[in-house]
């Protein structure tokens, strides 16, 4: 399993590039994403991927997913608007 960072996203075309710690860039297509939608990806996010081969025969990243630490960070932020989460039961106490 390779690890890297999303270096560039081409949102209107549905693909991007992942840069590994060694400085190599790998193409990925939105069809290769697992457990995440392309629209929520951001440059700089850490991802894990496997190496595959594109239709043109060149190496590319396949089975791309957010790294576990990145996915945990994103899920804890999802839906968190800073409020108390709605009706907590103690908000409207009868006295």
Protein backbone atom coordinates (compact mmCIF):
# COMPACT_ATOMS: atom_id res chain seq x y z
CA UNK A 1 0.00 0.00 0.00
CA UNK A 2 1.44 3.35 -1.05
CA UNK A 3 0.96 6.58 0.81
CA UNK A 4 1.02 10.12 -0.44
CA UNK A 5 -0.57 13.53 -0.51
CA UNK A 6 -3.02 14.91 -3.03
CA UNK A 7 -0.86 17.36 -4.91
CA UNK A 8 -3.33 18.56 -7.53
CA UNK A 9 -7.01 18.08 -8.35
CA UNK A 10 -8.59 18.75 -11.73
CA UNK A 11 -12.18 18.88 -10.49
CA UNK A 12 -13.91 19.55 -13.80
CA UNK A 13 -12.22 16.49 -15.35
CA UNK A 14 -12.50 14.16 -12.34
CA UNK A 15 -8.88 13.31 -11.75
CA UNK A 16 -5.85 14.37 -9.80
CA UNK A 17 -2.28 13.59 -8.85
CA UNK A 18 -0.83 12.07 -5.71
CA UNK A 19 2.72 12.83 -4.64
CA UNK A 20 4.58 10.22 -2.59
CA UNK A 21 7.11 11.00 0.12
CA UNK A 22 9.80 10.09 -2.44
CA UNK A 23 8.53 12.89 -4.70
CA UNK A 24 6.95 10.70 -7.40
CA UNK A 25 3.61 11.77 -8.86
CA UNK A 26 0.85 9.32 -9.73
CA UNK A 27 -2.31 10.00 -11.67
CA UNK A 28 -5.65 8.89 -10.19
CA UNK A 29 -9.19 8.97 -11.56
CA UNK A 30 -12.33 9.52 -9.50
CA UNK A 31 -13.51 6.01 -10.42
CA UNK A 32 -10.66 4.63 -8.31
CA UNK A 33 -11.82 6.28 -5.07
CA UNK A 34 -13.00 4.06 -2.22
CA UNK A 35 -15.11 5.32 0.65
CA UNK A 36 -14.91 8.96 -0.33
CA UNK A 37 -16.50 11.17 -2.97
CA UNK A 38 -14.29 13.16 -5.32
CA UNK A 39 -16.12 16.39 -4.45
CA UNK A 40 -14.86 16.38 -0.84
CA UNK A 41 -11.19 15.81 -1.69
CA UNK A 42 -8.81 18.69 -1.11
CA UNK A 43 -5.22 19.26 -2.11
CA UNK A 44 -2.91 18.38 0.76
CA UNK A 45 -5.00 15.49 2.09
CA UNK A 46 -3.14 12.29 2.89
CA UNK A 47 -4.21 9.19 0.97
CA UNK A 48 -3.38 5.52 0.65
CA UNK A 49 -3.42 3.73 -2.68
CA UNK A 50 -2.29 0.70 -4.63
CA UNK A 51 -0.29 0.76 -7.81
CA UNK A 52 -2.08 -0.18 -10.99
CA UNK A 53 -1.87 0.41 -14.69
CA UNK A 54 -3.88 2.91 -16.67
CA UNK A 55 -5.50 2.28 -20.04
CA UNK A 56 -2.46 3.86 -21.66
CA UNK A 57 -0.12 1.38 -19.93
CA UNK A 58 1.40 3.89 -17.54
CA UNK A 59 1.43 3.36 -13.77
CA UNK A 60 -1.39 5.01 -11.84
CA UNK A 61 -2.88 5.00 -8.36
CA UNK A 62 -5.85 2.67 -7.91
CA UNK A 63 -8.10 1.88 -4.93
CA UNK A 64 -7.44 5.35 -3.53
CA UNK A 65 -8.79 6.21 -0.10
CA UNK A 66 -8.14 8.78 2.58
CA UNK A 67 -5.54 7.66 5.10
CA UNK A 68 -7.02 6.49 8.38
CA UNK A 69 -5.83 9.58 10.26
CA UNK A 70 -7.19 11.86 7.54
CA UNK A 71 -10.53 10.02 7.41
CA UNK A 72 -10.84 10.26 11.21
CA UNK A 73 -10.13 14.00 11.11
CA UNK A 74 -12.67 14.56 8.33
CA UNK A 75 -15.41 12.49 9.93
CA UNK A 76 -15.10 14.30 13.23
CA UNK A 77 -15.59 17.59 11.41
CA UNK A 78 -18.50 16.38 9.30
CA UNK A 79 -21.71 17.95 10.43
CA UNK A 80 -20.07 19.72 13.35
CA UNK A 81 -21.43 23.23 13.20
CA UNK A 82 -20.11 24.15 16.61
CA UNK A 83 -23.54 23.86 18.20
CA UNK A 84 -24.73 21.39 20.77
CA UNK A 85 -26.22 19.02 18.22
CA UNK A 86 -29.83 20.08 18.58
CA UNK A 87 -32.29 19.08 21.30
CA UNK A 88 -30.10 17.79 24.10
CA UNK A 89 -32.97 17.32 26.52
CA UNK A 90 -31.60 19.67 29.17
CA UNK A 91 -31.92 22.76 27.06
CA UNK A 92 -35.61 23.28 27.88
CA UNK A 93 -35.97 22.37 31.53
CA UNK A 94 -39.30 22.97 33.24
CA UNK A 95 -38.92 24.73 36.57
